[in-house]
Amino acid sequence: MEEEDESRGKTEESGEDRGDGPPDRDPALSPSAFILRAIQQAV
């Protein structure tokens, strides 16, 4: 659980900096979905 919180903060910042997807869409996604999506993009 602790790792998820840390990853969430880093993922959100990276997502905003990258601008991969619309900013309005990211907050709409659940934290878990956002993390999974970021991991898939990284791979």
N, C-alpha and C. Protein backbone atom coordinates (compact mmCIF):
# COMPACT_ATOMS: atom_id res chain seq x y z
N MET A 1 0.85 -1.20 0.00
CA MET A 1 0.00 0.00 0.00
C MET A 1 0.89 1.26 0.00
N GLU A 2 1.94 1.24 0.82
CA GLU A 2 2.81 2.41 0.89
C GLU A 2 3.46 2.67 -0.46
N GLU A 3 3.90 1.61 -1.12
CA GLU A 3 4.56 1.76 -2.42
C GLU A 3 3.60 2.39 -3.42
N GLU A 4 2.31 1.99 -3.36
CA GLU A 4 1.33 2.54 -4.29
C GLU A 4 1.23 4.05 -4.13
N ASP A 5 1.20 4.52 -2.88
CA ASP A 5 1.09 5.96 -2.63
C ASP A 5 2.28 6.70 -3.23
N GLU A 6 3.48 6.16 -3.02
CA GLU A 6 4.68 6.81 -3.55
C GLU A 6 4.64 6.81 -5.08
N SER A 7 4.30 5.67 -5.66
CA SER A 7 4.24 5.57 -7.11
C SER A 7 3.19 6.51 -7.67
N ARG A 8 2.08 6.64 -6.96
CA ARG A 8 0.99 7.49 -7.44
C ARG A 8 1.49 8.93 -7.60
N GLY A 9 2.18 9.45 -6.59
CA GLY A 9 2.68 10.83 -6.66
C GLY A 9 3.65 11.00 -7.81
N LYS A 10 4.58 10.08 -7.96
CA LYS A 10 5.56 10.17 -9.04
C LYS A 10 4.87 10.03 -10.40
N THR A 11 3.92 9.11 -10.48
CA THR A 11 3.23 8.87 -11.75
C THR A 11 2.46 10.10 -12.19
N GLU A 12 1.76 10.73 -11.26
CA GLU A 12 0.96 11.91 -11.60
C GLU A 12 1.87 13.01 -12.14
N GLU A 13 2.99 13.24 -11.47
CA GLU A 13 3.91 14.29 -11.92
C GLU A 13 4.45 13.96 -13.30
N SER A 14 4.87 12.71 -13.50
CA SER A 14 5.42 12.31 -14.79
C SER A 14 4.37 12.46 -15.88
N GLY A 15 3.15 12.06 -15.58
CA GLY A 15 2.08 12.14 -16.57
C GLY A 15 1.84 13.57 -17.01
N GLU A 16 1.84 14.49 -16.04
CA GLU A 16 1.60 15.89 -16.38
C GLU A 16 2.76 16.44 -17.22
N ASP A 17 3.97 16.08 -16.83
CA ASP A 17 5.14 16.58 -17.57
C ASP A 17 5.16 16.01 -18.98
N ARG A 18 4.85 14.74 -19.11
CA ARG A 18 4.87 14.10 -20.43
C ARG A 18 3.73 14.63 -21.30
N GLY A 19 2.55 14.71 -20.71
CA GLY A 19 1.40 15.14 -21.50
C GLY A 19 0.97 14.04 -22.45
N ASP A 20 1.15 12.77 -22.03
CA ASP A 20 0.76 11.65 -22.90
C ASP A 20 -0.73 11.70 -23.21
N GLY A 21 -1.53 11.97 -22.19
CA GLY A 21 -2.99 11.99 -22.39
C GLY A 21 -3.57 13.31 -21.94
N PRO A 22 -4.84 13.54 -22.25
CA PRO A 22 -5.48 14.79 -21.83
C PRO A 22 -5.47 14.92 -20.31
N PRO A 23 -5.08 16.07 -19.77
CA PRO A 23 -5.03 16.27 -18.31
C PRO A 23 -6.39 16.06 -17.66
N ASP A 24 -7.45 16.39 -18.38
CA ASP A 24 -8.80 16.24 -17.81
C ASP A 24 -9.15 14.76 -17.62
N ARG A 25 -8.54 13.91 -18.40
CA ARG A 25 -8.89 12.49 -18.36
C ARG A 25 -8.15 11.77 -17.22
N ASP A 26 -6.93 12.16 -16.92
CA ASP A 26 -6.15 11.48 -15.90
C ASP A 26 -6.81 11.49 -14.52
N PRO A 27 -7.21 12.64 -14.00
CA PRO A 27 -7.83 12.68 -12.68
C PRO A 27 -9.11 11.86 -12.62
N ALA A 28 -9.77 11.67 -13.76
CA ALA A 28 -11.02 10.92 -13.79
C ALA A 28 -10.75 9.44 -13.52
N LEU A 29 -9.57 8.97 -13.90
CA LEU A 29 -9.23 7.56 -13.68
C LEU A 29 -8.93 7.32 -12.21
N SER A 30 -9.19 6.09 -11.77
CA SER A 30 -8.88 5.74 -10.39
C SER A 30 -7.36 5.61 -10.24
N PRO A 31 -6.83 5.82 -9.04
CA PRO A 31 -5.38 5.75 -8.83
C PRO A 31 -4.79 4.45 -9.35
N SER A 32 -5.45 3.34 -9.07
CA SER A 32 -4.93 2.04 -9.50
C SER A 32 -4.86 1.98 -11.02
N ALA A 33 -5.93 2.39 -11.68
CA ALA A 33 -5.98 2.36 -13.14
C ALA A 33 -4.89 3.27 -13.71
N PHE A 34 -4.70 4.42 -13.08
CA PHE A 34 -3.68 5.37 -13.56
C PHE A 34 -2.29 4.75 -13.46
N ILE A 35 -2.02 4.07 -12.35
CA ILE A 35 -0.71 3.44 -12.15
C ILE A 35 -0.51 2.33 -13.18
N LEU A 36 -1.51 1.47 -13.34
CA LEU A 36 -1.40 0.38 -14.31
C LEU A 36 -1.16 0.94 -15.70
N ARG A 37 -1.87 1.99 -16.05
CA ARG A 37 -1.73 2.58 -17.38
C ARG A 37 -0.31 3.12 -17.57
N ALA A 38 0.21 3.78 -16.55
CA ALA A 38 1.56 4.34 -16.63
C ALA A 38 2.59 3.22 -16.79
N ILE A 39 2.39 2.13 -16.06
CA ILE A 39 3.32 0.99 -16.15
C ILE A 39 3.30 0.42 -17.56
N GLN A 40 2.12 0.27 -18.13
CA GLN A 40 2.01 -0.28 -19.48
C GLN A 40 2.71 0.63 -20.48
N GLN A 41 2.57 1.94 -20.33
CA GLN A 41 3.21 2.88 -21.24
C GLN A 41 4.73 2.79 -21.09
N ALA A 42 5.19 2.64 -19.86
CA ALA A 42 6.63 2.55 -19.61
C ALA A 42 7.21 1.32 -20.28
N VAL A 43 6.46 0.22 -20.23
CA VAL A 43 6.92 -1.02 -20.85
C VAL A 43 6.72 -0.91 -22.35
